[in-house]
């Protein structure tokens, strides 16, 4: 599961990928969390755009007012779930980020860690959307990440962004076969646990 991430200067990060940015600015968010509006790349006939969508997807068929918004979709079952199978086929998006947080459960405590690409390049999460909402696609964690958590977001290399957005290709098959970047991580302060905390200090390593 992925429930927090960092995104800074999304317009600059995507200037070679999108034709226009719609009401998105180059700001810094060190504690992006569900139900916020966050920058994603969407494909249109006349080119890609960068738009703000709300993280957390309530399917259009959900009639229960208390239906909890879905923030993650499992790649392994995305073609089977009624909530996701049409979206992975027709409504794909790519979420822009610098890195993401995950928590390691240690006895009665959960310790946050911050993950980035080993080459320090921007991160592009594979996502799906409906209307003005999106969720991230996750997969089984790679070997070096399993010690922290058993799941991780599906991360695209920049060269694969447009291929994932190409609806003529099978989205799930492409994501399963695409080469994923190597990630590194370090322990960070529990200040990230509080969504209202939003400073660059959140991503700084701590030793204990």
N, C-alpha and C. Protein backbone atom coordinates (compact mmCIF):
# COMPACT_ATOMS: atom_id res chain seq x y z
N UNK A 1 0.84 -1.20 0.00
CA UNK A 1 0.00 0.00 0.00
C UNK A 1 0.88 1.24 0.00
N UNK A 2 0.42 2.25 -0.70
CA UNK A 2 1.11 3.54 -0.67
C UNK A 2 0.09 4.59 -0.25
N UNK A 3 0.39 5.29 0.85
CA UNK A 3 -0.57 6.26 1.35
C UNK A 3 -0.02 7.67 1.53
N UNK A 4 1.26 7.88 1.24
CA UNK A 4 1.85 9.21 1.32
C UNK A 4 3.00 9.30 0.31
N UNK A 5 3.18 10.47 -0.26
CA UNK A 5 4.35 10.65 -1.13
C UNK A 5 4.73 12.12 -1.19
N UNK A 6 5.80 12.40 -1.92
CA UNK A 6 6.34 13.75 -2.07
C UNK A 6 6.29 14.13 -3.54
N UNK A 7 5.86 15.35 -3.82
CA UNK A 7 5.92 15.87 -5.20
C UNK A 7 6.30 17.34 -5.15
N UNK A 8 7.39 17.68 -5.84
CA UNK A 8 7.83 19.07 -5.91
C UNK A 8 7.98 19.46 -7.38
N UNK A 9 7.64 20.70 -7.67
CA UNK A 9 7.80 21.27 -9.01
C UNK A 9 7.30 20.35 -10.13
N UNK A 10 6.03 19.94 -10.07
CA UNK A 10 5.52 18.98 -11.04
C UNK A 10 5.47 19.49 -12.47
N UNK A 11 5.30 20.79 -12.65
CA UNK A 11 5.25 21.35 -14.01
C UNK A 11 6.61 21.21 -14.68
N UNK A 12 7.66 21.58 -13.95
CA UNK A 12 9.02 21.47 -14.49
C UNK A 12 9.40 20.02 -14.77
N UNK A 13 8.98 19.12 -13.87
CA UNK A 13 9.32 17.71 -14.03
C UNK A 13 8.69 17.07 -15.27
N UNK A 14 7.59 17.65 -15.74
CA UNK A 14 6.84 17.01 -16.83
C UNK A 14 6.84 17.84 -18.12
N UNK A 15 7.70 18.85 -18.21
CA UNK A 15 7.64 19.73 -19.37
C UNK A 15 7.93 19.03 -20.69
N UNK A 16 8.62 17.88 -20.64
CA UNK A 16 8.90 17.13 -21.87
C UNK A 16 7.86 16.05 -22.14
N UNK A 17 6.90 15.92 -21.22
CA UNK A 17 5.90 14.86 -21.34
C UNK A 17 4.51 15.37 -21.64
N UNK A 18 4.24 16.63 -21.32
CA UNK A 18 2.88 17.14 -21.49
C UNK A 18 2.86 18.37 -22.39
N UNK A 19 1.70 18.57 -23.00
CA UNK A 19 1.51 19.72 -23.88
C UNK A 19 1.13 20.96 -23.08
N UNK A 20 0.38 20.73 -22.00
CA UNK A 20 -0.06 21.86 -21.17
C UNK A 20 -0.32 21.42 -19.75
N UNK A 21 -0.21 22.37 -18.82
CA UNK A 21 -0.55 22.13 -17.42
C UNK A 21 -1.79 22.95 -17.10
N UNK A 22 -2.82 22.28 -16.60
CA UNK A 22 -4.11 22.92 -16.33
C UNK A 22 -4.25 23.17 -14.84
N UNK A 23 -4.11 24.42 -14.44
CA UNK A 23 -4.25 24.83 -13.05
C UNK A 23 -3.32 24.05 -12.10
N UNK A 24 -2.13 23.72 -12.60
CA UNK A 24 -1.10 23.09 -11.78
C UNK A 24 0.08 24.04 -11.72
N UNK A 25 0.64 24.23 -10.54
CA UNK A 25 1.77 25.14 -10.37
C UNK A 25 2.98 24.39 -9.83
N UNK A 26 4.15 24.99 -9.98
CA UNK A 26 5.38 24.42 -9.45
C UNK A 26 5.50 24.72 -7.96
N UNK A 27 4.80 23.92 -7.15
CA UNK A 27 4.91 24.09 -5.71
C UNK A 27 5.55 22.84 -5.10
N UNK A 28 5.66 22.81 -3.78
CA UNK A 28 6.31 21.70 -3.09
C UNK A 28 5.36 21.10 -2.07
N UNK A 29 5.15 19.79 -2.17
CA UNK A 29 4.28 19.08 -1.24
C UNK A 29 5.06 17.88 -0.70
N UNK A 30 5.48 17.98 0.55
CA UNK A 30 6.29 16.93 1.16
C UNK A 30 5.45 15.92 1.94
N UNK A 31 4.14 16.08 1.88
CA UNK A 31 3.26 15.14 2.57
C UNK A 31 1.95 15.01 1.80
N UNK A 32 2.07 14.61 0.53
CA UNK A 32 0.88 14.39 -0.29
C UNK A 32 0.11 13.20 0.27
N UNK A 33 -1.19 13.38 0.49
CA UNK A 33 -1.96 12.34 1.15
C UNK A 33 -3.34 12.18 0.50
N UNK A 34 -4.03 11.09 0.77
CA UNK A 34 -5.34 10.86 0.17
C UNK A 34 -6.31 12.01 0.41
N UNK A 35 -7.17 12.21 -0.58
CA UNK A 35 -8.22 13.23 -0.61
C UNK A 35 -7.70 14.62 -0.97
N UNK A 36 -6.38 14.75 -1.15
CA UNK A 36 -5.83 15.99 -1.71
C UNK A 36 -5.94 15.95 -3.23
N UNK A 37 -5.97 17.13 -3.84
CA UNK A 37 -5.86 17.21 -5.30
C UNK A 37 -4.38 17.28 -5.65
N UNK A 38 -3.94 16.36 -6.52
CA UNK A 38 -2.53 16.19 -6.81
C UNK A 38 -2.31 16.04 -8.32
N UNK A 39 -1.12 16.39 -8.82
CA UNK A 39 -0.88 16.42 -10.26
C UNK A 39 -0.71 15.04 -10.90
N UNK A 40 -1.46 14.82 -11.97
CA UNK A 40 -1.36 13.58 -12.74
C UNK A 40 -1.32 13.91 -14.23
N UNK A 41 -0.72 13.01 -15.00
CA UNK A 41 -0.67 13.16 -16.45
C UNK A 41 -1.80 12.35 -17.07
N UNK A 42 -2.59 13.00 -17.94
CA UNK A 42 -3.66 12.33 -18.68
C UNK A 42 -3.43 12.52 -20.17
N UNK A 43 -3.89 11.56 -20.94
CA UNK A 43 -3.70 11.59 -22.39
C UNK A 43 -4.99 11.98 -23.09
N UNK A 44 -4.90 12.93 -24.00
CA UNK A 44 -6.01 13.32 -24.86
C UNK A 44 -5.56 13.16 -26.31
N UNK A 45 -6.51 13.25 -27.21
CA UNK A 45 -6.19 13.09 -28.64
C UNK A 45 -5.17 14.12 -29.11
N UNK A 46 -5.24 15.34 -28.55
CA UNK A 46 -4.33 16.40 -28.99
C UNK A 46 -3.09 16.54 -28.10
N UNK A 47 -2.85 15.55 -27.23
CA UNK A 47 -1.64 15.58 -26.41
C UNK A 47 -1.90 15.32 -24.94
N UNK A 48 -0.83 15.19 -24.17
CA UNK A 48 -0.94 14.95 -22.73
C UNK A 48 -1.12 16.26 -21.97
N UNK A 49 -1.83 16.18 -20.87
CA UNK A 49 -1.97 17.34 -19.99
C UNK A 49 -1.58 16.94 -18.56
N UNK A 50 -1.20 17.94 -17.78
CA UNK A 50 -0.97 17.76 -16.35
C UNK A 50 -2.14 18.41 -15.63
N UNK A 51 -2.86 17.63 -14.83
CA UNK A 51 -4.06 18.13 -14.15
C UNK A 51 -4.04 17.72 -12.69
N UNK A 52 -4.81 18.41 -11.88
CA UNK A 52 -4.98 18.04 -10.49
C UNK A 52 -6.23 17.18 -10.33
N UNK A 53 -6.05 15.96 -9.83
CA UNK A 53 -7.16 15.09 -9.50
C UNK A 53 -7.09 14.73 -8.02
N UNK A 54 -8.22 14.33 -7.47
CA UNK A 54 -8.26 13.97 -6.05
C UNK A 54 -7.82 12.52 -5.86
N UNK A 55 -6.88 12.33 -4.91
CA UNK A 55 -6.39 10.98 -4.62
C UNK A 55 -7.40 10.25 -3.75
N UNK A 56 -8.02 9.25 -4.35
CA UNK A 56 -9.06 8.48 -3.68
C UNK A 56 -10.25 8.37 -4.62
N UNK A 57 -10.54 7.14 -5.05
CA UNK A 57 -11.51 6.94 -6.10
C UNK A 57 -12.75 6.22 -5.57
N UNK A 58 -13.90 6.85 -5.75
CA UNK A 58 -15.18 6.22 -5.44
C UNK A 58 -15.82 5.84 -6.77
N UNK A 59 -15.94 4.54 -7.08
CA UNK A 59 -16.48 4.13 -8.37
C UNK A 59 -17.87 4.70 -8.62
N UNK A 60 -18.16 4.97 -9.87
CA UNK A 60 -19.44 5.59 -10.23
C UNK A 60 -20.63 4.72 -9.86
N UNK A 61 -20.42 3.39 -9.77
CA UNK A 61 -21.52 2.49 -9.45
C UNK A 61 -21.81 2.42 -7.95
N UNK A 62 -20.92 2.97 -7.13
CA UNK A 62 -21.09 2.87 -5.68
C UNK A 62 -22.27 3.73 -5.22
N UNK A 63 -23.27 3.11 -4.64
CA UNK A 63 -24.46 3.83 -4.17
C UNK A 63 -24.40 4.14 -2.67
N UNK A 64 -23.52 3.43 -1.97
CA UNK A 64 -23.38 3.63 -0.54
C UNK A 64 -22.62 4.93 -0.27
N UNK A 65 -23.25 5.86 0.40
CA UNK A 65 -22.61 7.15 0.69
C UNK A 65 -21.38 6.99 1.57
N UNK A 66 -21.30 5.87 2.30
CA UNK A 66 -20.16 5.64 3.19
C UNK A 66 -19.06 4.82 2.52
N UNK A 67 -19.15 4.62 1.20
CA UNK A 67 -18.13 3.86 0.47
C UNK A 67 -16.78 4.55 0.64
N UNK A 68 -15.80 3.80 1.14
CA UNK A 68 -14.48 4.39 1.38
C UNK A 68 -13.70 4.51 0.08
N UNK A 69 -13.21 5.70 -0.20
CA UNK A 69 -12.47 5.94 -1.43
C UNK A 69 -11.26 5.01 -1.52
N UNK A 70 -11.03 4.48 -2.71
CA UNK A 70 -9.94 3.54 -2.95
C UNK A 70 -8.70 4.32 -3.37
N UNK A 71 -7.61 4.15 -2.63
CA UNK A 71 -6.38 4.90 -2.95
C UNK A 71 -5.37 4.03 -3.70
N UNK A 72 -5.50 2.71 -3.61
CA UNK A 72 -4.59 1.78 -4.28
C UNK A 72 -5.38 0.70 -5.01
N UNK A 73 -4.83 0.20 -6.11
CA UNK A 73 -5.39 -0.93 -6.84
C UNK A 73 -4.28 -1.95 -7.07
N UNK A 74 -4.52 -3.21 -6.76
CA UNK A 74 -3.50 -4.24 -6.93
C UNK A 74 -3.36 -4.62 -8.40
N UNK A 75 -2.12 -4.58 -8.89
CA UNK A 75 -1.86 -4.94 -10.28
C UNK A 75 -2.27 -6.38 -10.56
N UNK A 76 -2.05 -7.26 -9.59
CA UNK A 76 -2.30 -8.69 -9.81
C UNK A 76 -3.77 -9.00 -10.10
N UNK A 77 -4.69 -8.17 -9.60
CA UNK A 77 -6.12 -8.46 -9.76
C UNK A 77 -6.88 -7.33 -10.46
N UNK A 78 -6.15 -6.39 -11.04
CA UNK A 78 -6.80 -5.19 -11.57
C UNK A 78 -7.74 -5.49 -12.74
N UNK A 79 -7.46 -6.55 -13.50
CA UNK A 79 -8.32 -6.92 -14.63
C UNK A 79 -9.58 -7.66 -14.19
N UNK A 80 -9.65 -8.04 -12.93
CA UNK A 80 -10.78 -8.82 -12.44
C UNK A 80 -11.75 -8.01 -11.59
N UNK A 81 -11.24 -7.02 -10.88
CA UNK A 81 -12.07 -6.25 -9.95
C UNK A 81 -13.03 -5.33 -10.69
N UNK A 82 -14.29 -5.38 -10.31
CA UNK A 82 -15.29 -4.54 -10.98
C UNK A 82 -14.96 -3.06 -10.85
N UNK A 83 -14.29 -2.68 -9.76
CA UNK A 83 -13.95 -1.27 -9.54
C UNK A 83 -12.89 -0.77 -10.52
N UNK A 84 -12.06 -1.70 -11.06
CA UNK A 84 -10.87 -1.27 -11.78
C UNK A 84 -10.74 -1.75 -13.22
N UNK A 85 -11.42 -2.83 -13.61
CA UNK A 85 -11.11 -3.46 -14.90
C UNK A 85 -11.41 -2.56 -16.09
N UNK A 86 -12.43 -1.74 -16.00
CA UNK A 86 -12.69 -0.80 -17.10
C UNK A 86 -11.69 0.36 -17.09
N UNK A 87 -11.28 0.76 -15.90
CA UNK A 87 -10.38 1.91 -15.78
C UNK A 87 -8.99 1.58 -16.32
N UNK A 88 -8.47 0.38 -16.02
CA UNK A 88 -7.13 0.04 -16.53
C UNK A 88 -7.18 -0.11 -18.05
N UNK A 89 -8.33 -0.38 -18.59
CA UNK A 89 -8.47 -0.52 -20.04
C UNK A 89 -8.59 0.84 -20.72
N UNK A 90 -9.36 1.76 -20.12
CA UNK A 90 -9.70 3.00 -20.82
C UNK A 90 -9.32 4.29 -20.11
N UNK A 91 -8.97 4.24 -18.84
CA UNK A 91 -8.75 5.47 -18.08
C UNK A 91 -7.47 5.38 -17.25
N UNK A 92 -6.35 5.49 -17.94
CA UNK A 92 -5.04 5.41 -17.27
C UNK A 92 -4.46 6.80 -17.06
N UNK A 93 -3.70 6.94 -16.02
CA UNK A 93 -3.00 8.19 -15.77
C UNK A 93 -1.64 7.88 -15.15
N UNK A 94 -0.80 8.88 -15.09
CA UNK A 94 0.53 8.74 -14.49
C UNK A 94 0.68 9.84 -13.44
N UNK A 95 1.06 9.45 -12.25
CA UNK A 95 1.13 10.36 -11.11
C UNK A 95 2.58 10.78 -10.90
N UNK A 96 2.81 12.07 -10.78
CA UNK A 96 4.16 12.64 -10.69
C UNK A 96 4.61 12.71 -9.23
N UNK A 97 5.86 12.32 -8.97
CA UNK A 97 6.36 12.34 -7.59
C UNK A 97 7.88 12.45 -7.55
N UNK A 98 8.39 12.72 -6.36
CA UNK A 98 9.83 12.68 -6.09
C UNK A 98 10.19 11.37 -5.39
N UNK A 99 9.33 10.96 -4.46
CA UNK A 99 9.54 9.76 -3.68
C UNK A 99 8.27 9.45 -2.90
N UNK A 100 8.31 8.38 -2.11
CA UNK A 100 7.12 8.02 -1.34
C UNK A 100 7.53 7.48 0.03
N UNK A 101 6.56 7.46 0.93
CA UNK A 101 6.79 6.97 2.29
C UNK A 101 6.14 5.59 2.47
N UNK A 102 6.79 4.78 3.28
CA UNK A 102 6.19 3.52 3.70
C UNK A 102 6.61 3.26 5.13
N UNK A 103 5.77 2.51 5.86
CA UNK A 103 5.99 2.29 7.28
C UNK A 103 6.35 0.84 7.57
N UNK A 104 7.38 0.64 8.38
CA UNK A 104 7.79 -0.70 8.80
C UNK A 104 7.20 -0.96 10.18
N UNK A 105 6.48 -2.08 10.28
CA UNK A 105 5.89 -2.44 11.56
C UNK A 105 6.93 -3.16 12.42
N UNK A 106 7.20 -2.61 13.59
CA UNK A 106 8.18 -3.19 14.51
C UNK A 106 7.52 -3.32 15.88
N UNK A 107 7.13 -4.54 16.22
CA UNK A 107 6.40 -4.81 17.45
C UNK A 107 5.16 -3.92 17.50
N UNK A 108 5.09 -2.98 18.41
CA UNK A 108 3.89 -2.14 18.53
C UNK A 108 4.04 -0.80 17.81
N UNK A 109 5.18 -0.59 17.13
CA UNK A 109 5.42 0.69 16.47
C UNK A 109 5.48 0.54 14.96
N UNK A 110 5.21 1.63 14.28
CA UNK A 110 5.36 1.69 12.82
C UNK A 110 6.31 2.83 12.50
N UNK A 111 7.42 2.51 11.86
CA UNK A 111 8.47 3.49 11.61
C UNK A 111 8.45 3.91 10.14
N UNK A 112 8.34 5.22 9.85
CA UNK A 112 8.29 5.66 8.46
C UNK A 112 9.65 5.66 7.78
N UNK A 113 9.65 5.33 6.50
CA UNK A 113 10.84 5.37 5.66
C UNK A 113 10.49 6.11 4.38
N UNK A 114 11.50 6.73 3.80
CA UNK A 114 11.31 7.49 2.56
C UNK A 114 12.06 6.79 1.43
N UNK A 115 11.37 6.59 0.31
CA UNK A 115 11.91 5.86 -0.84
C UNK A 115 12.08 6.79 -2.04
N UNK A 116 13.22 6.67 -2.71
CA UNK A 116 13.47 7.41 -3.94
C UNK A 116 14.13 6.47 -4.94
N UNK A 117 14.17 6.91 -6.21
CA UNK A 117 14.92 6.15 -7.19
C UNK A 117 16.41 6.20 -6.85
N UNK A 118 17.10 5.13 -7.12
CA UNK A 118 18.54 5.09 -6.86
C UNK A 118 19.28 6.14 -7.68
N UNK A 119 18.78 6.42 -8.89
CA UNK A 119 19.42 7.43 -9.75
C UNK A 119 18.90 8.84 -9.50
N UNK A 120 18.01 8.99 -8.50
CA UNK A 120 17.47 10.28 -8.05
C UNK A 120 16.60 10.98 -9.11
N UNK A 121 16.20 10.27 -10.14
CA UNK A 121 15.33 10.85 -11.16
C UNK A 121 13.89 10.94 -10.63
N UNK A 122 13.03 11.74 -11.28
CA UNK A 122 11.63 11.81 -10.85
C UNK A 122 10.95 10.44 -10.90
N UNK A 123 9.94 10.30 -10.09
CA UNK A 123 9.16 9.07 -10.04
C UNK A 123 7.84 9.29 -10.77
N UNK A 124 7.43 8.27 -11.52
CA UNK A 124 6.14 8.30 -12.21
C UNK A 124 5.37 7.04 -11.81
N UNK A 125 4.33 7.24 -10.99
CA UNK A 125 3.49 6.12 -10.56
C UNK A 125 2.46 5.81 -11.64
N UNK A 126 2.24 4.53 -11.90
CA UNK A 126 1.13 4.12 -12.76
C UNK A 126 -0.17 4.27 -11.99
N UNK A 127 -1.18 4.86 -12.62
CA UNK A 127 -2.46 5.05 -11.96
C UNK A 127 -3.63 4.85 -12.89
N UNK A 128 -4.81 4.88 -12.31
CA UNK A 128 -6.06 4.88 -13.06
C UNK A 128 -6.94 5.99 -12.50
N UNK A 129 -7.90 6.44 -13.30
CA UNK A 129 -8.74 7.53 -12.83
C UNK A 129 -10.17 7.37 -13.29
N UNK A 130 -11.05 8.06 -12.63
CA UNK A 130 -12.45 8.16 -13.05
C UNK A 130 -12.94 9.54 -12.65
N UNK A 131 -13.45 10.26 -13.63
CA UNK A 131 -13.90 11.63 -13.40
C UNK A 131 -12.72 12.44 -12.86
N UNK A 132 -12.86 13.04 -11.68
CA UNK A 132 -11.78 13.89 -11.13
C UNK A 132 -11.03 13.20 -10.00
N UNK A 133 -11.04 11.84 -9.99
CA UNK A 133 -10.41 11.08 -8.92
C UNK A 133 -9.42 10.07 -9.50
N UNK A 134 -8.41 9.70 -8.70
CA UNK A 134 -7.45 8.70 -9.17
C UNK A 134 -7.03 7.79 -8.03
N UNK A 135 -6.43 6.67 -8.38
CA UNK A 135 -5.76 5.84 -7.39
C UNK A 135 -4.49 5.26 -8.00
N UNK A 136 -3.56 4.86 -7.14
CA UNK A 136 -2.28 4.32 -7.56
C UNK A 136 -2.37 2.81 -7.71
N UNK A 137 -1.59 2.27 -8.63
CA UNK A 137 -1.50 0.82 -8.81
C UNK A 137 -0.29 0.32 -8.03
N UNK A 138 -0.47 -0.77 -7.30
CA UNK A 138 0.61 -1.34 -6.49
C UNK A 138 0.92 -2.77 -6.93
N UNK A 139 2.10 -3.22 -6.55
CA UNK A 139 2.53 -4.58 -6.85
C UNK A 139 3.33 -5.12 -5.68
N UNK A 140 3.69 -6.40 -5.76
CA UNK A 140 4.52 -7.00 -4.72
C UNK A 140 5.86 -6.27 -4.66
N UNK A 141 6.33 -6.03 -3.46
CA UNK A 141 7.57 -5.27 -3.28
C UNK A 141 8.77 -6.04 -3.80
N UNK A 142 9.75 -5.30 -4.30
CA UNK A 142 11.01 -5.91 -4.72
C UNK A 142 11.76 -6.39 -3.49
N UNK A 143 12.77 -7.21 -3.70
CA UNK A 143 13.43 -7.89 -2.59
C UNK A 143 13.99 -6.94 -1.53
N UNK A 144 14.58 -5.82 -1.96
CA UNK A 144 15.20 -4.94 -0.97
C UNK A 144 14.18 -4.09 -0.20
N UNK A 145 12.94 -4.09 -0.66
CA UNK A 145 11.90 -3.29 0.00
C UNK A 145 11.05 -4.14 0.93
N UNK A 146 11.02 -5.44 0.71
CA UNK A 146 10.16 -6.32 1.50
C UNK A 146 10.45 -6.24 2.99
N UNK A 147 11.67 -5.86 3.36
CA UNK A 147 11.96 -5.74 4.79
C UNK A 147 11.18 -4.60 5.44
N UNK A 148 10.72 -3.65 4.62
CA UNK A 148 9.92 -2.53 5.14
C UNK A 148 8.44 -2.80 4.96
N UNK A 149 8.04 -3.20 3.76
CA UNK A 149 6.62 -3.45 3.47
C UNK A 149 6.51 -4.41 2.30
N UNK A 150 5.43 -5.20 2.26
CA UNK A 150 5.30 -6.23 1.23
C UNK A 150 4.72 -5.71 -0.09
N UNK A 151 4.28 -4.44 -0.11
CA UNK A 151 3.73 -3.86 -1.33
C UNK A 151 4.49 -2.57 -1.66
N UNK A 152 4.44 -2.18 -2.96
CA UNK A 152 5.02 -0.91 -3.38
C UNK A 152 4.25 -0.40 -4.59
N UNK A 153 4.27 0.90 -4.83
CA UNK A 153 3.61 1.42 -6.03
C UNK A 153 4.34 0.98 -7.30
N UNK A 154 3.59 0.81 -8.39
CA UNK A 154 4.20 0.49 -9.68
C UNK A 154 4.81 1.77 -10.24
N UNK A 155 6.11 1.74 -10.50
CA UNK A 155 6.84 2.93 -10.93
C UNK A 155 7.32 2.76 -12.37
N UNK A 156 7.01 3.75 -13.19
CA UNK A 156 7.41 3.76 -14.59
C UNK A 156 8.69 4.56 -14.79
N UNK A 157 9.51 4.13 -15.73
CA UNK A 157 10.58 4.99 -16.21
C UNK A 157 9.96 6.04 -17.12
N UNK A 158 10.57 7.21 -17.20
CA UNK A 158 10.01 8.29 -18.02
C UNK A 158 9.80 7.86 -19.47
N UNK A 159 10.68 7.02 -19.97
CA UNK A 159 10.57 6.57 -21.37
C UNK A 159 9.36 5.67 -21.60
N UNK A 160 8.76 5.16 -20.51
CA UNK A 160 7.61 4.27 -20.64
C UNK A 160 6.27 4.96 -20.36
N UNK A 161 6.31 6.23 -19.99
CA UNK A 161 5.07 6.93 -19.63
C UNK A 161 4.07 6.91 -20.78
N UNK A 162 4.48 7.30 -21.96
CA UNK A 162 3.55 7.36 -23.08
C UNK A 162 3.10 5.99 -23.54
N UNK A 163 3.94 4.99 -23.36
CA UNK A 163 3.52 3.63 -23.72
C UNK A 163 2.41 3.15 -22.79
N UNK A 164 2.52 3.46 -21.51
CA UNK A 164 1.46 3.06 -20.58
C UNK A 164 0.15 3.79 -20.91
N UNK A 165 0.25 5.05 -21.32
CA UNK A 165 -0.95 5.83 -21.64
C UNK A 165 -1.56 5.45 -22.99
N UNK A 166 -0.86 4.64 -23.77
CA UNK A 166 -1.36 4.19 -25.07
C UNK A 166 -2.41 3.10 -24.86
N UNK A 167 -3.66 3.42 -25.07
CA UNK A 167 -4.75 2.50 -24.77
C UNK A 167 -4.83 1.33 -25.75
N UNK A 168 -4.02 1.35 -26.78
CA UNK A 168 -3.99 0.21 -27.70
C UNK A 168 -3.20 -0.95 -27.10
N UNK A 169 -2.43 -0.68 -26.06
CA UNK A 169 -1.67 -1.72 -25.36
C UNK A 169 -2.44 -2.15 -24.12
N UNK A 170 -2.27 -3.40 -23.73
CA UNK A 170 -2.86 -3.88 -22.49
C UNK A 170 -2.13 -3.25 -21.32
N UNK A 171 -2.85 -2.48 -20.53
CA UNK A 171 -2.21 -1.77 -19.42
C UNK A 171 -1.59 -2.69 -18.40
N UNK A 172 -2.32 -3.72 -17.97
CA UNK A 172 -1.81 -4.60 -16.93
C UNK A 172 -0.63 -5.42 -17.43
N UNK A 173 -0.71 -5.93 -18.66
CA UNK A 173 0.39 -6.71 -19.21
C UNK A 173 1.65 -5.87 -19.34
N UNK A 174 1.46 -4.63 -19.80
CA UNK A 174 2.62 -3.75 -19.95
C UNK A 174 3.29 -3.49 -18.61
N UNK A 175 2.49 -3.22 -17.58
CA UNK A 175 3.06 -2.92 -16.27
C UNK A 175 3.78 -4.12 -15.67
N UNK A 176 3.28 -5.31 -15.92
CA UNK A 176 3.92 -6.51 -15.39
C UNK A 176 5.26 -6.78 -16.07
N UNK A 177 5.37 -6.37 -17.34
CA UNK A 177 6.57 -6.68 -18.11
C UNK A 177 7.60 -5.55 -18.10
N UNK A 178 7.16 -4.33 -17.83
CA UNK A 178 8.07 -3.17 -17.92
C UNK A 178 9.18 -3.25 -16.88
N UNK A 179 10.36 -2.80 -17.28
CA UNK A 179 11.49 -2.77 -16.36
C UNK A 179 11.29 -1.67 -15.33
N UNK A 180 11.46 -1.99 -14.07
CA UNK A 180 11.24 -1.04 -12.99
C UNK A 180 12.58 -0.49 -12.47
N UNK A 181 12.60 0.76 -12.04
CA UNK A 181 13.85 1.34 -11.52
C UNK A 181 14.20 0.78 -10.15
N UNK A 182 15.47 0.84 -9.81
CA UNK A 182 15.91 0.46 -8.48
C UNK A 182 15.61 1.58 -7.49
N UNK A 183 15.23 1.19 -6.29
CA UNK A 183 14.88 2.16 -5.25
C UNK A 183 15.83 2.03 -4.06
N UNK A 184 16.03 3.14 -3.38
CA UNK A 184 16.75 3.15 -2.11
C UNK A 184 15.88 3.85 -1.08
N UNK A 185 16.20 3.68 0.21
CA UNK A 185 15.34 4.27 1.23
C UNK A 185 16.12 4.55 2.51
N UNK A 186 15.52 5.39 3.36
CA UNK A 186 16.09 5.66 4.67
C UNK A 186 14.98 5.99 5.65
N UNK A 187 15.29 5.85 6.92
CA UNK A 187 14.33 6.13 7.98
C UNK A 187 14.12 7.63 8.11
N UNK A 188 12.87 8.04 8.37
CA UNK A 188 12.56 9.46 8.55
C UNK A 188 11.74 9.67 9.83
N UNK A 189 11.55 10.92 10.15
CA UNK A 189 10.84 11.29 11.38
C UNK A 189 9.36 10.91 11.33
N UNK A 190 8.82 10.60 12.50
CA UNK A 190 7.39 10.31 12.61
C UNK A 190 6.53 11.55 12.44
N UNK A 191 7.17 12.70 12.23
CA UNK A 191 6.41 13.92 11.95
C UNK A 191 5.56 13.74 10.70
N UNK A 192 5.97 12.85 9.79
CA UNK A 192 5.22 12.63 8.56
C UNK A 192 3.85 12.00 8.85
N UNK A 193 3.70 11.40 10.02
CA UNK A 193 2.43 10.77 10.35
C UNK A 193 1.27 11.76 10.39
N UNK A 194 1.58 13.01 10.65
CA UNK A 194 0.55 14.04 10.75
C UNK A 194 0.43 14.76 9.40
N UNK A 195 -0.69 14.62 8.69
CA UNK A 195 -0.81 15.18 7.35
C UNK A 195 -0.57 16.68 7.24
N UNK A 196 -0.81 17.40 8.32
CA UNK A 196 -0.64 18.85 8.26
C UNK A 196 0.83 19.27 8.31
N UNK A 197 1.72 18.35 8.70
CA UNK A 197 3.16 18.64 8.64
C UNK A 197 3.61 18.56 7.19
N UNK A 198 4.23 19.62 6.69
CA UNK A 198 4.57 19.64 5.27
C UNK A 198 5.79 20.52 5.04
N UNK A 199 6.95 20.00 5.41
CA UNK A 199 8.21 20.72 5.20
C UNK A 199 9.26 19.76 4.66
N UNK A 200 10.32 20.32 4.11
CA UNK A 200 11.38 19.50 3.54
C UNK A 200 12.08 18.63 4.58
N UNK A 201 11.95 19.00 5.85
CA UNK A 201 12.61 18.22 6.91
C UNK A 201 12.04 16.80 7.00
N UNK A 202 10.83 16.57 6.47
CA UNK A 202 10.20 15.26 6.57
C UNK A 202 11.00 14.18 5.84
N UNK A 203 11.74 14.57 4.81
CA UNK A 203 12.46 13.56 4.03
C UNK A 203 13.91 13.38 4.49
N UNK A 204 14.32 14.13 5.50
CA UNK A 204 15.69 14.02 5.97
C UNK A 204 15.90 12.73 6.74
N UNK A 205 17.05 12.06 6.54
CA UNK A 205 17.32 10.81 7.26
C UNK A 205 17.49 11.04 8.75
N UNK A 206 17.06 10.07 9.53
CA UNK A 206 17.32 10.09 10.97
C UNK A 206 18.04 8.78 11.31
N UNK A 207 18.80 8.80 12.37
CA UNK A 207 19.64 7.65 12.71
C UNK A 207 19.00 6.74 13.73
N UNK A 208 17.93 7.20 14.40
CA UNK A 208 17.32 6.33 15.40
C UNK A 208 15.82 6.50 15.40
